[in-house]
Amino acid sequence: MLTIPILQTIFYAIRLLFLIYMGWSIWNSNPANLSQKETAMPPKKQILLAMSVSRSYF
């Protein structure tokens, strides 16, 4: 399916729209509970998680 150029373009456009939507919804969301202390995820784990979700490895 990805050998057809128009389908590949459509899939990339859908993926871009999804990532924009996710970023917009996270940016506009209210923080859950600021009084509760939570530890941040380590940078290495954040990078691996982002790579596993986006599947774009440039």
Protein backbone atom coordinates (compact mmCIF):
# COMPACT_ATOMS: atom_id res chain seq x y z
CA MET A 1 0.00 0.00 0.00
CA LEU A 2 2.85 2.40 0.73
CA THR A 3 4.29 1.90 -2.76
CA ILE A 4 1.46 4.02 -4.19
CA PRO A 5 2.59 7.66 -3.89
CA ILE A 6 -0.88 9.17 -3.33
CA LEU A 7 -1.64 6.76 -0.47
CA GLN A 8 1.71 7.51 1.10
CA THR A 9 0.94 11.25 0.95
CA ILE A 10 -2.50 10.66 2.47
CA PHE A 11 -1.03 8.60 5.32
CA TYR A 12 1.59 11.27 6.05
CA ALA A 13 -1.08 13.98 6.05
CA ILE A 14 -3.27 11.98 8.44
CA ARG A 15 -0.30 11.39 10.71
CA LEU A 16 0.61 15.08 10.67
CA LEU A 17 -2.98 16.09 11.51
CA PHE A 18 -3.07 13.55 14.34
CA LEU A 19 0.18 14.86 15.85
CA ILE A 20 -1.03 18.46 15.57
CA TYR A 21 -4.31 17.50 17.25
CA MET A 22 -2.50 15.68 20.07
CA GLY A 23 -0.16 18.60 20.64
CA TRP A 24 -3.05 21.09 20.63
CA SER A 25 -5.12 19.03 23.06
CA ILE A 26 -2.19 18.58 25.46
CA TRP A 27 -1.28 22.27 25.23
CA ASN A 28 -4.85 23.33 26.10
CA SER A 29 -5.52 20.73 28.79
CA ASN A 30 -5.69 21.63 32.46
CA PRO A 31 -3.08 20.09 34.76
CA ALA A 32 -4.56 17.21 36.73
CA ASN A 33 -3.51 17.92 40.30
CA LEU A 34 -0.79 20.45 41.05
CA SER A 35 -0.72 19.72 44.78
CA GLN A 36 0.43 16.15 44.20
CA LYS A 37 4.18 15.71 43.69
CA GLU A 38 5.00 13.45 40.75
CA THR A 39 8.38 12.44 39.44
CA ALA A 40 9.22 13.20 35.83
CA MET A 41 9.99 10.44 33.37
CA PRO A 42 13.73 10.23 32.61
CA PRO A 43 14.77 11.82 29.26
CA LYS A 44 15.89 8.49 27.77
CA LYS A 45 12.51 6.92 28.49
CA GLN A 46 10.71 9.98 27.06
CA ILE A 47 12.68 9.75 23.82
CA LEU A 48 12.05 6.02 23.47
CA LEU A 49 8.34 6.51 24.13
CA ALA A 50 8.11 9.31 21.55
CA MET A 51 9.94 7.20 18.96
CA SER A 52 7.70 4.20 19.58
CA VAL A 53 4.55 6.28 19.16
CA SER A 54 5.49 8.43 16.19
CA ARG A 55 7.37 5.79 14.16
CA SER A 56 9.29 8.48 12.29
CA TYR A 57 13.00 7.91 12.74
CA PHE A 58 14.30 10.38 10.11
